[in-house]
N, C-alpha and C. Protein backbone atom coordinates (compact mmCIF):
# COMPACT_ATOMS: atom_id res chain seq x y z
N MET A 1 0.81 -1.16 -0.01
CA MET A 1 0.01 -0.02 -0.02
C MET A 1 0.86 1.30 0.08
N ARG A 2 1.94 1.30 0.82
CA ARG A 2 2.83 2.35 0.86
C ARG A 2 3.50 2.60 -0.54
N PHE A 3 3.90 1.51 -1.15
CA PHE A 3 4.49 1.63 -2.46
C PHE A 3 3.55 2.22 -3.49
N PHE A 4 2.23 1.84 -3.44
CA PHE A 4 1.26 2.34 -4.33
C PHE A 4 1.09 3.88 -4.14
N ALA A 5 1.02 4.30 -2.88
CA ALA A 5 0.82 5.65 -2.56
C ALA A 5 2.05 6.49 -3.05
N LEU A 6 3.23 5.93 -2.85
CA LEU A 6 4.46 6.66 -3.34
C LEU A 6 4.46 6.73 -4.86
N LEU A 7 4.05 5.64 -5.45
CA LEU A 7 3.98 5.63 -6.97
C LEU A 7 3.02 6.64 -7.48
N CYS A 8 1.88 6.81 -6.80
CA CYS A 8 0.85 7.86 -7.18
C CYS A 8 1.49 9.23 -7.01
N VAL A 9 2.17 9.46 -5.89
CA VAL A 9 2.76 10.81 -5.75
C VAL A 9 3.78 11.08 -6.81
N LEU A 10 4.62 10.09 -7.15
CA LEU A 10 5.64 10.26 -8.19
C LEU A 10 4.96 10.53 -9.53
N LEU A 11 3.97 9.76 -9.82
CA LEU A 11 3.33 9.93 -11.14
C LEU A 11 2.61 11.27 -11.28
N THR A 12 2.00 11.75 -10.14
CA THR A 12 1.36 13.07 -10.15
C THR A 12 2.40 14.16 -10.34
N ALA A 13 3.47 14.06 -9.66
CA ALA A 13 4.56 15.01 -9.78
C ALA A 13 5.07 15.02 -11.24
N GLY A 14 5.28 13.82 -11.77
CA GLY A 14 5.83 13.82 -13.13
C GLY A 14 4.84 14.36 -14.11
N SER A 15 3.55 14.18 -13.95
CA SER A 15 2.60 14.72 -14.92
C SER A 15 2.51 16.23 -14.75
N ALA A 16 2.71 16.79 -13.52
CA ALA A 16 2.66 18.25 -13.40
C ALA A 16 3.82 18.88 -14.17
N VAL A 17 5.00 18.17 -14.10
CA VAL A 17 6.17 18.71 -14.85
C VAL A 17 5.87 18.61 -16.28
N ALA A 18 5.29 17.50 -16.77
CA ALA A 18 5.07 17.30 -18.16
C ALA A 18 4.02 18.29 -18.78
N GLN A 19 3.11 18.77 -17.88
CA GLN A 19 2.09 19.71 -18.32
C GLN A 19 2.53 21.13 -18.43
N SER A 20 3.71 21.45 -17.89
CA SER A 20 4.22 22.80 -17.98
C SER A 20 5.59 22.93 -18.57
N PRO A 21 5.79 22.44 -19.80
CA PRO A 21 7.09 22.44 -20.43
C PRO A 21 7.58 23.84 -20.83
N GLN A 22 6.64 24.83 -20.64
CA GLN A 22 7.04 26.23 -21.04
C GLN A 22 7.65 26.96 -19.89
N LEU A 23 7.82 26.34 -18.72
CA LEU A 23 8.28 26.99 -17.50
C LEU A 23 9.77 26.61 -17.28
N SER A 24 10.63 27.63 -17.18
CA SER A 24 12.04 27.30 -16.83
C SER A 24 12.23 26.96 -15.30
N PRO A 25 13.37 26.47 -15.01
CA PRO A 25 13.59 26.18 -13.57
C PRO A 25 13.50 27.49 -12.68
N ASN A 26 13.73 28.65 -13.25
CA ASN A 26 13.70 29.87 -12.49
C ASN A 26 12.30 30.58 -12.65
N GLY A 27 11.40 29.94 -13.26
CA GLY A 27 10.02 30.51 -13.42
C GLY A 27 9.82 31.37 -14.63
N VAL A 28 10.72 31.36 -15.62
CA VAL A 28 10.45 32.09 -16.88
C VAL A 28 9.49 31.32 -17.66
N ARG A 29 8.45 31.90 -18.10
CA ARG A 29 7.32 31.26 -18.85
C ARG A 29 7.28 31.78 -20.23
N THR A 30 7.38 30.86 -21.21
CA THR A 30 7.22 31.30 -22.64
C THR A 30 5.76 31.52 -22.93
N LEU A 31 5.47 32.34 -23.89
CA LEU A 31 4.13 32.81 -24.24
C LEU A 31 3.78 32.32 -25.67
N ASP A 32 2.53 31.94 -25.75
CA ASP A 32 2.02 31.47 -27.04
C ASP A 32 0.50 31.64 -27.08
N PRO A 33 0.03 32.92 -27.07
CA PRO A 33 -1.41 33.12 -27.11
C PRO A 33 -2.06 32.50 -28.29
N PRO A 34 -3.30 31.90 -28.12
CA PRO A 34 -3.86 31.18 -29.29
C PRO A 34 -4.19 32.06 -30.53
N GLU A 35 -4.45 33.36 -30.33
CA GLU A 35 -4.80 34.20 -31.44
C GLU A 35 -3.56 34.79 -32.13
N ALA A 36 -2.38 34.54 -31.64
CA ALA A 36 -1.12 35.13 -32.10
C ALA A 36 -0.65 34.39 -33.39
N ILE A 37 0.38 34.93 -34.04
CA ILE A 37 1.02 34.28 -35.13
C ILE A 37 1.63 32.98 -34.58
N LYS A 38 1.99 32.12 -35.48
CA LYS A 38 2.62 30.81 -35.06
C LYS A 38 4.13 30.90 -35.14
N ALA A 39 4.77 30.62 -34.03
CA ALA A 39 6.23 30.63 -34.04
C ALA A 39 6.66 29.28 -34.61
N GLU A 40 7.54 29.36 -35.60
CA GLU A 40 8.11 28.18 -36.24
C GLU A 40 9.60 28.19 -36.09
N GLY A 41 10.22 27.12 -35.51
CA GLY A 41 11.64 27.02 -35.35
C GLY A 41 11.98 27.20 -33.87
N THR A 42 13.22 27.66 -33.67
CA THR A 42 13.81 27.65 -32.34
C THR A 42 13.58 29.00 -31.60
N TRP A 43 12.43 29.50 -31.55
CA TRP A 43 12.05 30.79 -30.91
C TRP A 43 10.65 30.68 -30.33
N SER A 44 10.36 31.60 -29.43
CA SER A 44 9.03 31.73 -28.94
C SER A 44 8.57 33.20 -29.09
N LEU A 45 7.25 33.39 -29.06
CA LEU A 45 6.70 34.73 -29.28
C LEU A 45 7.07 35.72 -28.15
N GLY A 46 7.18 35.15 -26.97
CA GLY A 46 7.58 36.05 -25.83
C GLY A 46 7.81 35.20 -24.61
N ALA A 47 8.17 35.93 -23.57
CA ALA A 47 8.40 35.27 -22.24
C ALA A 47 8.07 36.22 -21.12
N ARG A 48 7.55 35.67 -20.08
CA ARG A 48 7.31 36.44 -18.83
C ARG A 48 8.41 35.99 -17.85
N ALA A 49 9.08 37.02 -17.30
CA ALA A 49 10.14 36.81 -16.32
C ALA A 49 9.75 37.82 -15.16
N GLY A 50 9.19 37.31 -14.11
CA GLY A 50 8.76 38.20 -13.02
C GLY A 50 7.66 39.12 -13.47
N ASP A 51 7.88 40.40 -13.29
CA ASP A 51 6.87 41.42 -13.66
C ASP A 51 7.14 41.96 -15.11
N PHE A 52 8.00 41.37 -15.84
CA PHE A 52 8.30 41.89 -17.20
C PHE A 52 7.91 40.88 -18.27
N VAL A 53 7.44 41.43 -19.42
CA VAL A 53 7.04 40.54 -20.53
C VAL A 53 7.97 41.02 -21.65
N PHE A 54 8.70 40.08 -22.19
CA PHE A 54 9.58 40.33 -23.30
C PHE A 54 8.94 39.67 -24.56
N VAL A 55 8.74 40.52 -25.57
CA VAL A 55 8.14 40.06 -26.82
C VAL A 55 9.21 39.93 -27.91
N ALA A 56 9.22 38.83 -28.62
CA ALA A 56 10.13 38.61 -29.67
C ALA A 56 10.02 39.67 -30.74
N GLY A 57 11.03 39.83 -31.59
CA GLY A 57 10.96 40.74 -32.62
C GLY A 57 9.77 40.34 -33.48
N MET A 58 8.83 41.27 -33.67
CA MET A 58 7.67 40.99 -34.43
C MET A 58 7.69 41.68 -35.88
N GLN A 59 7.20 40.91 -36.79
CA GLN A 59 7.07 41.43 -38.12
C GLN A 59 5.60 41.62 -38.40
N GLY A 60 5.21 42.16 -39.48
CA GLY A 60 3.79 42.37 -39.88
C GLY A 60 3.22 41.17 -40.49
N VAL A 61 3.18 40.06 -39.65
CA VAL A 61 2.62 38.86 -40.15
C VAL A 61 1.11 38.78 -39.66
N ASP A 62 0.23 38.55 -40.65
CA ASP A 62 -1.22 38.41 -40.34
C ASP A 62 -1.43 37.06 -39.57
N PRO A 63 -1.97 37.11 -38.38
CA PRO A 63 -2.15 35.81 -37.63
C PRO A 63 -3.09 34.83 -38.32
N THR A 64 -4.00 35.36 -39.16
CA THR A 64 -5.00 34.37 -39.75
C THR A 64 -4.33 33.62 -40.93
N THR A 65 -3.33 34.21 -41.53
CA THR A 65 -2.70 33.51 -42.68
C THR A 65 -1.25 33.10 -42.41
N ASN A 66 -0.66 33.71 -41.31
CA ASN A 66 0.73 33.47 -41.00
C ASN A 66 1.70 33.97 -42.17
N ARG A 67 1.19 34.99 -42.86
CA ARG A 67 1.98 35.57 -43.97
C ARG A 67 2.07 37.06 -43.82
N LEU A 68 3.19 37.60 -44.32
CA LEU A 68 3.41 39.02 -44.21
C LEU A 68 2.29 39.85 -44.96
N VAL A 69 1.78 40.90 -44.34
CA VAL A 69 0.88 41.83 -44.83
C VAL A 69 1.60 42.53 -46.06
N GLN A 70 0.91 42.77 -47.18
CA GLN A 70 1.58 43.28 -48.34
C GLN A 70 1.86 44.82 -48.26
N ASP A 71 0.88 45.64 -47.92
CA ASP A 71 1.02 47.01 -47.91
C ASP A 71 2.04 47.43 -46.80
N PRO A 72 3.03 48.23 -47.12
CA PRO A 72 4.06 48.58 -46.03
C PRO A 72 3.54 49.20 -44.83
N GLN A 73 2.62 50.17 -44.84
CA GLN A 73 2.12 50.84 -43.66
C GLN A 73 1.25 49.88 -42.88
N ALA A 74 0.43 49.05 -43.61
CA ALA A 74 -0.36 48.05 -42.96
C ALA A 74 0.48 47.03 -42.31
N ARG A 75 1.61 46.66 -42.92
CA ARG A 75 2.59 45.70 -42.35
C ARG A 75 3.13 46.19 -41.05
N ILE A 76 3.56 47.48 -41.06
CA ILE A 76 4.09 48.10 -39.82
C ILE A 76 2.99 48.06 -38.77
N ARG A 77 1.75 48.45 -39.05
CA ARG A 77 0.71 48.42 -38.10
C ARG A 77 0.50 47.03 -37.61
N GLN A 78 0.54 46.01 -38.44
CA GLN A 78 0.31 44.64 -38.00
C GLN A 78 1.45 44.17 -37.01
N ALA A 79 2.66 44.59 -37.26
CA ALA A 79 3.75 44.30 -36.33
C ALA A 79 3.42 44.83 -34.94
N PHE A 80 2.93 46.07 -34.88
CA PHE A 80 2.57 46.66 -33.58
C PHE A 80 1.37 45.87 -32.98
N LEU A 81 0.44 45.51 -33.77
CA LEU A 81 -0.75 44.81 -33.36
C LEU A 81 -0.30 43.43 -32.80
N ASN A 82 0.59 42.79 -33.44
CA ASN A 82 1.13 41.53 -32.90
C ASN A 82 1.78 41.66 -31.56
N ILE A 83 2.55 42.76 -31.37
CA ILE A 83 3.12 42.96 -30.08
C ILE A 83 2.08 43.22 -29.08
N ARG A 84 1.04 44.08 -29.37
CA ARG A 84 0.01 44.42 -28.45
C ARG A 84 -0.72 43.15 -28.02
N LEU A 85 -1.05 42.28 -28.96
CA LEU A 85 -1.78 41.00 -28.56
C LEU A 85 -0.99 40.15 -27.54
N ILE A 86 0.29 40.03 -27.75
CA ILE A 86 1.05 39.26 -26.83
C ILE A 86 1.16 39.92 -25.42
N ALA A 87 1.37 41.24 -25.48
CA ALA A 87 1.36 42.02 -24.23
C ALA A 87 0.00 41.93 -23.45
N GLN A 88 -1.01 42.06 -24.19
CA GLN A 88 -2.36 41.99 -23.62
C GLN A 88 -2.68 40.62 -23.04
N SER A 89 -2.08 39.59 -23.57
CA SER A 89 -2.26 38.28 -23.08
C SER A 89 -1.68 38.07 -21.71
N GLU A 90 -0.79 38.98 -21.28
CA GLU A 90 -0.25 39.00 -19.93
C GLU A 90 -0.66 40.18 -19.13
N GLY A 91 -1.75 40.88 -19.52
CA GLY A 91 -2.30 41.99 -18.82
C GLY A 91 -1.69 43.30 -19.02
N ALA A 92 -0.81 43.46 -20.05
CA ALA A 92 -0.18 44.74 -20.31
C ALA A 92 -0.87 45.44 -21.47
N SER A 93 -0.78 46.75 -21.43
CA SER A 93 -1.26 47.52 -22.61
C SER A 93 -0.04 48.17 -23.32
N LEU A 94 -0.26 48.82 -24.44
CA LEU A 94 0.87 49.57 -25.11
C LEU A 94 1.46 50.55 -24.16
N GLN A 95 0.62 51.18 -23.26
CA GLN A 95 1.17 52.19 -22.38
C GLN A 95 2.13 51.57 -21.34
N ASP A 96 2.11 50.29 -21.17
CA ASP A 96 2.99 49.61 -20.27
C ASP A 96 4.32 49.20 -20.92
N CYS A 97 4.52 49.53 -22.16
CA CYS A 97 5.78 49.28 -22.84
C CYS A 97 6.91 50.11 -22.23
N VAL A 98 8.00 49.46 -21.87
CA VAL A 98 9.15 50.17 -21.34
C VAL A 98 10.31 50.27 -22.24
N ARG A 99 10.22 49.59 -23.38
CA ARG A 99 11.31 49.57 -24.36
C ARG A 99 10.83 49.08 -25.67
N LEU A 100 11.20 49.86 -26.73
CA LEU A 100 10.97 49.48 -28.11
C LEU A 100 12.26 49.57 -28.88
N THR A 101 12.59 48.55 -29.55
CA THR A 101 13.68 48.62 -30.56
C THR A 101 13.11 48.24 -31.95
N ILE A 102 13.21 49.20 -32.89
CA ILE A 102 12.61 49.02 -34.17
C ILE A 102 13.74 48.94 -35.27
N TYR A 103 13.72 47.88 -36.01
CA TYR A 103 14.61 47.66 -37.04
C TYR A 103 13.90 47.91 -38.37
N VAL A 104 14.43 48.79 -39.26
CA VAL A 104 13.80 49.05 -40.57
C VAL A 104 14.88 48.80 -41.64
N SER A 105 14.47 48.50 -42.79
CA SER A 105 15.28 48.26 -43.94
C SER A 105 15.67 49.56 -44.60
N ASP A 106 14.92 50.66 -44.31
CA ASP A 106 15.16 51.97 -44.93
C ASP A 106 14.51 53.06 -44.00
N LEU A 107 15.42 53.75 -43.28
CA LEU A 107 14.88 54.72 -42.30
C LEU A 107 14.10 55.90 -43.02
N LYS A 108 14.62 56.41 -44.13
CA LYS A 108 14.04 57.50 -44.81
C LYS A 108 12.53 57.15 -45.21
N THR A 109 12.39 55.88 -45.73
CA THR A 109 11.05 55.46 -46.16
C THR A 109 10.19 55.13 -45.05
N PHE A 110 10.62 54.26 -44.09
CA PHE A 110 9.74 53.59 -43.12
C PHE A 110 9.69 54.36 -41.71
N ALA A 111 10.61 55.15 -41.37
CA ALA A 111 10.44 55.87 -40.04
C ALA A 111 9.28 56.71 -39.97
N PRO A 112 8.89 57.47 -41.03
CA PRO A 112 7.60 58.24 -40.93
C PRO A 112 6.37 57.35 -40.72
N MET A 113 6.42 56.19 -41.38
CA MET A 113 5.26 55.25 -41.21
C MET A 113 5.22 54.71 -39.81
N VAL A 114 6.35 54.36 -39.25
CA VAL A 114 6.41 53.88 -37.94
C VAL A 114 5.86 54.87 -36.96
N ASP A 115 6.34 56.20 -37.13
CA ASP A 115 5.87 57.30 -36.24
C ASP A 115 4.33 57.42 -36.33
N LYS A 116 3.81 57.41 -37.56
CA LYS A 116 2.39 57.58 -37.71
C LYS A 116 1.62 56.51 -37.04
N VAL A 117 1.96 55.23 -37.29
CA VAL A 117 1.28 54.06 -36.70
C VAL A 117 1.40 54.09 -35.22
N GLN A 118 2.56 54.38 -34.73
CA GLN A 118 2.76 54.35 -33.22
C GLN A 118 1.99 55.46 -32.56
N ALA A 119 1.93 56.64 -33.18
CA ALA A 119 1.03 57.72 -32.69
C ALA A 119 -0.38 57.38 -32.67
N GLU A 120 -0.85 56.67 -33.73
CA GLU A 120 -2.31 56.27 -33.70
C GLU A 120 -2.57 55.21 -32.67
N LEU A 121 -1.70 54.22 -32.50
CA LEU A 121 -2.01 53.16 -31.60
C LEU A 121 -1.80 53.61 -30.12
N TRP A 122 -0.84 54.41 -29.88
CA TRP A 122 -0.73 54.88 -28.45
C TRP A 122 -1.69 55.96 -28.07
N GLY A 123 -2.20 56.71 -29.06
CA GLY A 123 -3.17 57.72 -28.86
C GLY A 123 -2.56 59.03 -28.46
N LYS A 124 -1.70 59.01 -27.42
CA LYS A 124 -1.08 60.22 -26.97
C LYS A 124 0.08 59.86 -26.17
N PRO A 125 1.02 60.81 -25.88
CA PRO A 125 2.24 60.54 -25.02
C PRO A 125 1.69 60.16 -23.64
N PRO A 126 2.51 59.58 -22.79
CA PRO A 126 3.92 59.34 -23.09
C PRO A 126 4.13 58.06 -23.94
N TYR A 127 5.20 58.21 -24.71
CA TYR A 127 5.60 57.01 -25.54
C TYR A 127 6.79 56.35 -24.87
N PRO A 128 7.01 55.11 -25.15
CA PRO A 128 8.08 54.31 -24.49
C PRO A 128 9.49 54.80 -25.05
N PRO A 129 10.53 54.52 -24.33
CA PRO A 129 11.82 54.75 -24.93
C PRO A 129 11.98 53.93 -26.18
N ARG A 130 12.60 54.46 -27.22
CA ARG A 130 12.62 53.77 -28.51
C ARG A 130 14.00 54.03 -29.11
N THR A 131 14.44 52.95 -29.79
CA THR A 131 15.54 53.05 -30.67
C THR A 131 15.08 52.57 -32.02
N MET A 132 15.40 53.32 -33.10
CA MET A 132 15.09 52.81 -34.45
C MET A 132 16.39 52.81 -35.24
N VAL A 133 16.63 51.64 -35.86
CA VAL A 133 17.88 51.40 -36.48
C VAL A 133 17.61 50.95 -37.92
N GLU A 134 18.42 51.41 -38.88
CA GLU A 134 18.34 50.91 -40.20
C GLU A 134 19.29 49.76 -40.26
N VAL A 135 18.79 48.63 -40.83
CA VAL A 135 19.66 47.43 -40.94
C VAL A 135 19.69 47.08 -42.39
N ARG A 136 20.73 46.28 -42.76
CA ARG A 136 20.97 45.91 -44.12
C ARG A 136 19.92 44.91 -44.55
N ARG A 137 19.54 43.94 -43.68
CA ARG A 137 18.59 42.94 -44.11
C ARG A 137 17.88 42.40 -42.88
N LEU A 138 16.57 42.10 -43.04
CA LEU A 138 15.73 41.47 -42.00
C LEU A 138 15.31 40.10 -42.56
N PHE A 139 14.83 39.32 -41.55
CA PHE A 139 14.29 37.93 -41.91
C PHE A 139 13.25 38.09 -43.00
N ASP A 140 13.23 37.20 -44.02
CA ASP A 140 12.29 37.22 -45.12
C ASP A 140 12.40 38.52 -45.94
N ASP A 141 13.53 39.17 -45.93
CA ASP A 141 13.68 40.46 -46.62
C ASP A 141 12.61 41.46 -46.20
N ASP A 142 12.22 41.41 -44.98
CA ASP A 142 11.10 42.26 -44.55
C ASP A 142 11.63 43.77 -44.42
N ILE A 143 10.68 44.61 -44.12
CA ILE A 143 10.91 46.07 -44.02
C ILE A 143 10.99 46.50 -42.55
N VAL A 144 10.40 45.75 -41.65
CA VAL A 144 10.40 46.14 -40.21
C VAL A 144 10.35 44.92 -39.31
N GLU A 145 11.01 45.11 -38.17
CA GLU A 145 10.89 44.13 -37.04
C GLU A 145 10.96 44.90 -35.80
N ILE A 146 10.03 44.67 -34.87
CA ILE A 146 9.94 45.46 -33.62
C ILE A 146 10.12 44.53 -32.43
N ASP A 147 11.05 44.91 -31.58
CA ASP A 147 11.39 44.12 -30.37
C ASP A 147 10.84 45.03 -29.20
N SER A 148 10.25 44.39 -28.17
CA SER A 148 9.69 45.16 -27.11
C SER A 148 9.65 44.46 -25.71
N VAL A 149 9.56 45.28 -24.64
CA VAL A 149 9.52 44.85 -23.33
C VAL A 149 8.46 45.67 -22.64
N PHE A 150 7.63 44.92 -21.82
CA PHE A 150 6.50 45.49 -21.16
C PHE A 150 6.63 45.23 -19.62
N TYR A 151 6.14 46.14 -18.87
CA TYR A 151 5.98 45.91 -17.43
C TYR A 151 4.63 45.59 -17.12
N ALA A 152 4.43 44.42 -16.49
CA ALA A 152 3.06 43.86 -16.22
C ALA A 152 3.13 43.07 -14.91
N PRO A 153 3.03 43.82 -13.77
CA PRO A 153 3.11 43.06 -12.47
C PRO A 153 2.11 41.94 -12.39
N LYS A 154 2.54 40.88 -11.88
CA LYS A 154 1.68 39.72 -11.71
C LYS A 154 0.59 40.10 -10.66
N LYS A 155 -0.57 39.66 -11.00
CA LYS A 155 -1.72 39.89 -10.09
C LYS A 155 -1.78 38.68 -9.07
N PRO A 156 -1.94 39.05 -7.80
CA PRO A 156 -2.05 37.98 -6.79
C PRO A 156 -3.18 37.02 -6.98
């Protein structure tokens, strides 16, 4: 009987570990909201570490098709919407963003579009600290990729 009880405890503990493969030993949890784009390969959409949410570099991929949006300004908007969706899945809003790093393939062409979309989505200041950098090439020869960090204290 003792052996059976011990076996049940071990099996229960093992299944609890098996059910949470997205949790690191230190409590970092990877994020994969059901409405978001699908991460393919060796990366995840985001991670929660304590009170902070780190969102992977997002492109303007339409979550319904998992393909890049064609129109450049709409693609930039979609990249921000993808970030917002992941942040909201953890209780954060765009106003909770504490860091944006934006990579564009052409600053002269795309920086004004980024500014316009960001102003529309944020509504009004304050805006988060931001770095925008022109890069030679992005994944899939894209025009924009946005990396972000959000503050989202865990609710008790």
